[in-house]
N, C-alpha and C. Protein backbone atom coordinates (compact mmCIF):
# COMPACT_ATOMS: atom_id res chain seq x y z
N MET A 1 -92.99 -40.96 39.81
CA MET A 1 -94.81 -41.07 39.55
C MET A 1 -95.55 -41.07 39.81
N LYS A 2 -96.67 -40.04 38.85
CA LYS A 2 -98.04 -39.86 38.94
C LYS A 2 -98.68 -40.96 39.70
N PRO A 3 -100.00 -40.84 40.90
CA PRO A 3 -101.03 -41.84 41.18
C PRO A 3 -102.02 -42.19 39.78
N LYS A 4 -101.71 -40.97 38.94
CA LYS A 4 -102.78 -41.36 38.42
C LYS A 4 -102.52 -41.93 36.95
N LEU A 5 -101.22 -41.98 36.01
CA LEU A 5 -100.78 -42.83 35.95
C LEU A 5 -100.85 -44.51 36.48
N LEU A 6 -100.43 -44.73 37.23
CA LEU A 6 -100.85 -45.71 37.81
C LEU A 6 -102.10 -46.24 38.63
N ARG A 7 -103.34 -46.01 38.45
CA ARG A 7 -104.09 -46.59 38.40
C ARG A 7 -104.66 -46.74 37.14
N ASN A 8 -104.32 -46.43 36.11
CA ASN A 8 -104.53 -46.96 35.03
C ASN A 8 -103.88 -48.17 34.24
N LYS A 9 -102.96 -49.02 35.48
CA LYS A 9 -102.34 -49.73 34.85
C LYS A 9 -102.74 -51.49 35.18
N THR A 10 -102.68 -52.23 34.79
CA THR A 10 -103.48 -53.82 35.80
C THR A 10 -102.62 -53.83 36.80
N PRO A 11 -103.03 -54.69 37.63
CA PRO A 11 -102.26 -55.59 38.26
C PRO A 11 -100.91 -55.90 38.45
N GLU A 12 -101.18 -56.79 36.88
CA GLU A 12 -99.86 -57.56 36.59
C GLU A 12 -98.60 -56.21 36.15
N GLU A 13 -98.92 -55.21 35.48
CA GLU A 13 -98.06 -54.31 35.46
C GLU A 13 -97.74 -53.83 36.96
N LEU A 14 -98.38 -53.61 37.54
CA LEU A 14 -97.90 -52.42 38.96
C LEU A 14 -96.93 -53.55 39.66
N GLN A 15 -96.92 -54.90 39.22
CA GLN A 15 -96.27 -56.10 40.03
C GLN A 15 -95.11 -56.08 39.43
N LYS A 16 -95.06 -55.87 38.02
CA LYS A 16 -93.61 -55.85 37.35
C LYS A 16 -92.97 -54.58 37.51
N LEU A 17 -93.64 -53.33 37.26
CA LEU A 17 -93.52 -51.95 38.19
C LEU A 17 -92.37 -51.86 39.53
N LEU A 18 -93.25 -53.03 40.37
CA LEU A 18 -93.01 -52.71 41.76
C LEU A 18 -91.11 -53.49 41.56
N LYS A 19 -91.11 -54.60 41.18
CA LYS A 19 -90.41 -55.24 40.92
C LYS A 19 -88.56 -54.49 40.55
N GLU A 20 -89.56 -53.98 39.37
CA GLU A 20 -88.61 -52.75 38.82
C GLU A 20 -87.52 -51.93 40.04
N LYS A 21 -88.99 -50.65 40.68
CA LYS A 21 -88.48 -49.99 40.97
C LYS A 21 -87.84 -50.78 42.85
N ARG A 22 -88.06 -51.74 43.16
CA ARG A 22 -87.16 -52.48 44.17
C ARG A 22 -86.04 -52.78 43.34
N GLU A 23 -85.58 -52.87 42.73
CA GLU A 23 -84.02 -53.59 42.46
C GLU A 23 -83.63 -51.88 41.59
N GLU A 24 -84.27 -50.63 41.28
CA GLU A 24 -83.62 -49.45 41.44
C GLU A 24 -83.06 -49.55 42.71
N LEU A 25 -83.81 -49.41 43.70
CA LEU A 25 -83.84 -48.82 44.83
C LEU A 25 -82.38 -49.82 45.52
N PHE A 26 -82.35 -50.86 45.27
CA PHE A 26 -80.70 -51.42 45.73
C PHE A 26 -80.08 -51.22 45.27
N LYS A 27 -79.74 -50.75 43.37
CA LYS A 27 -78.93 -50.15 42.29
C LYS A 27 -78.64 -48.85 43.61
N LEU A 28 -79.43 -48.21 43.99
CA LEU A 28 -79.09 -46.64 44.19
C LEU A 28 -78.46 -47.07 45.45
N LYS A 29 -78.92 -47.72 46.37
CA LYS A 29 -78.60 -47.94 47.85
C LYS A 29 -76.84 -48.20 47.51
N LEU A 30 -76.65 -49.51 46.42
CA LEU A 30 -75.30 -49.80 46.88
C LEU A 30 -74.25 -48.62 45.77
N ASP A 31 -75.03 -47.94 44.83
CA ASP A 31 -73.89 -46.65 44.19
C ASP A 31 -74.11 -45.65 45.90
N LEU A 32 -74.95 -45.26 46.66
CA LEU A 32 -74.34 -44.88 48.00
C LEU A 32 -73.82 -45.26 48.39
N LYS A 33 -73.11 -46.36 48.67
CA LYS A 33 -72.09 -47.21 49.76
C LYS A 33 -70.58 -46.95 48.68
N ALA A 34 -71.00 -46.88 47.45
CA ALA A 34 -69.63 -46.63 46.94
C ALA A 34 -69.23 -45.38 46.56
N ARG A 35 -69.61 -44.16 46.83
CA ARG A 35 -69.89 -42.94 46.57
C ARG A 35 -70.08 -42.94 45.36
N LYS A 36 -70.62 -42.85 44.67
CA LYS A 36 -70.58 -42.80 42.81
C LYS A 36 -72.11 -42.45 42.64
N LEU A 37 -73.04 -42.87 43.72
CA LEU A 37 -74.71 -41.52 43.39
C LEU A 37 -74.41 -39.94 44.43
N LYS A 38 -74.92 -39.53 42.53
CA LYS A 38 -74.35 -37.96 42.92
C LYS A 38 -75.93 -37.31 43.05
N ASN A 39 -77.05 -38.12 42.70
CA ASN A 39 -78.03 -37.62 43.44
C ASN A 39 -78.98 -38.47 44.72
N VAL A 40 -78.68 -38.05 46.11
CA VAL A 40 -79.73 -38.57 46.91
C VAL A 40 -81.29 -38.27 46.95
N LYS A 41 -81.71 -37.72 46.67
CA LYS A 41 -82.61 -37.62 46.07
C LYS A 41 -83.48 -38.39 46.00
N MET A 42 -83.08 -39.12 45.09
CA MET A 42 -83.06 -40.09 43.95
C MET A 42 -83.50 -40.95 44.91
N ILE A 43 -82.81 -41.39 46.08
CA ILE A 43 -83.77 -42.74 47.04
C ILE A 43 -85.01 -42.34 47.51
N GLY A 44 -85.74 -41.51 48.29
CA GLY A 44 -86.75 -41.09 48.49
C GLY A 44 -87.53 -40.83 47.57
N GLU A 45 -87.05 -40.83 45.95
CA GLU A 45 -88.74 -40.46 45.15
C GLU A 45 -88.82 -41.69 44.82
N THR A 46 -87.79 -42.92 44.94
CA THR A 46 -87.75 -44.70 44.57
C THR A 46 -88.73 -45.11 45.60
N LYS A 47 -87.93 -44.37 47.28
CA LYS A 47 -89.41 -45.57 48.05
C LYS A 47 -90.68 -44.54 47.89
N ARG A 48 -90.68 -43.03 47.65
CA ARG A 48 -92.16 -43.00 47.68
C ARG A 48 -92.77 -43.67 46.36
N ASP A 49 -92.28 -43.74 45.38
CA ASP A 49 -93.33 -44.71 44.00
C ASP A 49 -93.37 -46.20 44.22
N ILE A 50 -92.12 -46.54 45.39
CA ILE A 50 -92.70 -48.08 45.32
C ILE A 50 -94.54 -48.11 46.76
N ALA A 51 -94.14 -47.24 47.80
CA ALA A 51 -95.40 -46.59 48.59
C ALA A 51 -96.56 -46.76 47.70
N ARG A 52 -96.30 -45.85 47.04
CA ARG A 52 -97.78 -45.41 45.69
C ARG A 52 -97.84 -46.80 45.20
N ILE A 53 -97.27 -47.27 44.54
CA ILE A 53 -97.63 -48.68 43.65
C ILE A 53 -98.47 -49.35 44.61
N LEU A 54 -97.42 -49.58 45.91
CA LEU A 54 -98.03 -50.67 46.86
C LEU A 54 -99.54 -50.78 47.10
N THR A 55 -99.91 -48.70 47.31
CA THR A 55 -101.22 -48.42 47.94
C THR A 55 -101.99 -48.90 46.92
N ILE A 56 -101.76 -48.43 45.40
CA ILE A 56 -103.12 -48.67 44.66
C ILE A 56 -102.77 -50.53 44.30
N LEU A 57 -101.97 -50.80 44.58
CA LEU A 57 -102.07 -52.23 44.27
C LEU A 57 -103.12 -53.27 45.10
N LYS A 58 -102.64 -52.27 46.54
CA LYS A 58 -103.57 -53.02 47.53
C LYS A 58 -105.50 -52.72 46.90
N GLU A 59 -105.69 -51.20 46.55
CA GLU A 59 -106.78 -51.09 45.96
C GLU A 59 -107.48 -51.50 44.88
N LYS A 60 -106.75 -51.48 44.28
CA LYS A 60 -107.10 -52.62 43.29
C LYS A 60 -107.07 -53.96 44.01
N LEU A 61 -107.14 -54.63 44.70
CA LEU A 61 -107.16 -55.86 44.79
C LEU A 61 -108.29 -56.24 45.84
N ARG A 62 -108.84 -55.01 46.86
CA ARG A 62 -109.53 -55.71 47.32
C ARG A 62 -110.86 -54.67 46.85
N ASN A 63 -110.78 -54.30 46.25
CA ASN A 63 -112.02 -53.63 44.98
C ASN A 63 -111.65 -53.88 44.14
N PRO A 64 -111.92 -54.77 43.26
CA PRO A 64 -112.09 -55.58 41.60
C PRO A 64 -112.91 -54.65 40.92
N PRO A 65 -112.66 -54.50 39.44
CA PRO A 65 -113.83 -53.57 38.92
C PRO A 65 -114.78 -54.63 38.14
N LYS A 66 -115.83 -53.82 38.14
CA LYS A 66 -117.12 -54.51 37.79
C LYS A 66 -117.61 -55.03 36.63
């Protein structure tokens, strides 16, 4: 997910997206343990998406728009 797209979202939307990404990461990890996951790269991409969301969310909460 591109940071530019995330910056246009409200903090509430980012919180919702963060929850979805964390659930997705959990499912990917379960699939990995069950040897069902074909693309292991998805785990790293999901973790990076979570980090991007958290970073932008912190920026928005620290510097609210005027």
